[in-house]
Protein backbone atom coordinates (compact mmCIF):
# COMPACT_ATOMS: atom_id res chain seq x y z
CA MET A 1 -55.77 -19.68 -66.68
CA LYS A 2 -54.61 -22.22 -69.71
CA LYS A 3 -52.78 -25.51 -69.38
CA LEU A 4 -49.78 -26.21 -71.02
CA LYS A 5 -48.99 -29.89 -71.49
CA LEU A 6 -45.10 -30.63 -71.74
CA LYS A 7 -43.87 -32.71 -74.30
CA TYR A 8 -40.60 -33.46 -71.93
CA PRO A 9 -42.04 -33.32 -68.36
CA ILE A 10 -39.64 -32.11 -65.34
CA MET A 11 -38.87 -33.22 -61.87
CA LEU A 12 -40.30 -30.54 -59.45
CA GLU A 13 -39.79 -31.10 -55.67
CA GLY A 14 -39.56 -34.94 -56.13
CA VAL A 15 -42.82 -34.93 -58.16
CA GLU A 16 -42.82 -35.72 -62.27
CA LEU A 17 -44.27 -32.24 -63.72
CA LYS A 18 -46.67 -33.23 -66.98
CA GLU A 19 -48.17 -29.81 -67.46
CA ILE A 20 -47.93 -26.33 -66.49
CA SER A 21 -50.94 -24.17 -65.79
CA ILE A 22 -50.41 -20.76 -66.75
CA ARG A 23 -52.23 -17.53 -65.20
CA ARG A 24 -53.03 -13.98 -67.42
CA PRO A 25 -50.28 -11.83 -66.55
CA LYS A 26 -51.13 -8.32 -64.62
CA ALA A 27 -49.66 -4.80 -64.61
CA ARG A 28 -47.34 -5.56 -61.81
CA ASP A 29 -45.98 -8.80 -63.75
CA LEU A 30 -45.10 -6.62 -66.59
CA ARG A 31 -42.97 -4.15 -64.08
CA ASP A 32 -41.18 -7.22 -62.50
CA MET A 33 -40.74 -8.21 -66.06
CA GLU A 34 -39.14 -5.41 -67.02
CA SER A 35 -36.31 -5.61 -64.18
CA ALA A 36 -35.27 -8.89 -65.38
CA GLY A 37 -32.56 -8.52 -67.75
CA THR A 38 -31.97 -10.14 -71.29
CA ASP A 39 -35.42 -11.30 -73.18
CA VAL A 40 -34.46 -14.79 -72.21
CA GLU A 41 -34.41 -13.49 -68.38
CA LYS A 42 -37.72 -11.84 -69.31
CA SER A 43 -39.32 -14.86 -70.20
CA ILE A 44 -38.11 -17.16 -67.41
CA SER A 45 -39.48 -14.31 -64.97
CA MET A 46 -43.16 -14.46 -66.62
CA ILE A 47 -43.79 -18.04 -67.24
CA SER A 48 -41.95 -18.79 -63.62
CA ALA A 49 -44.74 -15.52 -62.00
CA LEU A 50 -47.49 -16.73 -64.19
CA GLY A 51 -46.93 -20.53 -63.56
CA GLY A 52 -46.43 -20.59 -60.06
CA MET A 53 -42.93 -22.57 -60.12
CA PRO A 54 -39.12 -21.21 -59.40
CA PRO A 55 -36.99 -20.09 -61.70
CA ASP A 56 -34.79 -23.17 -61.55
CA ALA A 57 -37.70 -24.95 -62.80
CA VAL A 58 -38.22 -22.84 -65.79
CA ASP A 59 -34.36 -23.61 -66.74
CA ASP A 60 -35.06 -26.97 -66.94
CA LEU A 61 -37.95 -26.91 -69.04
CA ASP A 62 -36.92 -28.37 -72.84
CA VAL A 63 -36.31 -25.61 -75.37
CA ALA A 64 -39.88 -26.96 -77.27
CA ASP A 65 -41.41 -26.53 -73.51
CA PHE A 66 -39.95 -23.36 -72.77
CA THR A 67 -40.82 -22.12 -76.51
CA ALA A 68 -44.29 -22.91 -76.21
CA ALA A 69 -44.84 -21.34 -72.58
CA SER A 70 -43.17 -18.12 -74.04
CA ASN A 71 -45.79 -18.12 -77.11
CA LEU A 72 -48.55 -18.79 -74.68
CA VAL A 73 -47.66 -15.86 -72.27
CA ALA A 74 -46.98 -13.47 -75.46
CA LYS A 75 -50.51 -14.71 -76.78
CA MET A 76 -51.94 -13.71 -73.40
CA MET A 77 -50.47 -10.40 -73.40
CA GLY A 78 -51.62 -9.47 -76.91
CA GLU A 79 -55.20 -10.39 -76.23
């Protein structure tokens, strides 16, 4: 599990979220991602699943934090 410190914290269920813990993907995560649609929707799906947060919370991420989370997930998938 990797921790990603958010440059721009968000509110999640009334609590300020300053970092996300992202677990390594499993094969089932890849299968679920494939049905998500566009590349952005697939990234949102993976960050949501691997970060244990609802898709709406991922939608609230600043683009810099979303990109960093997407890059971290991609790196984990490439290892």
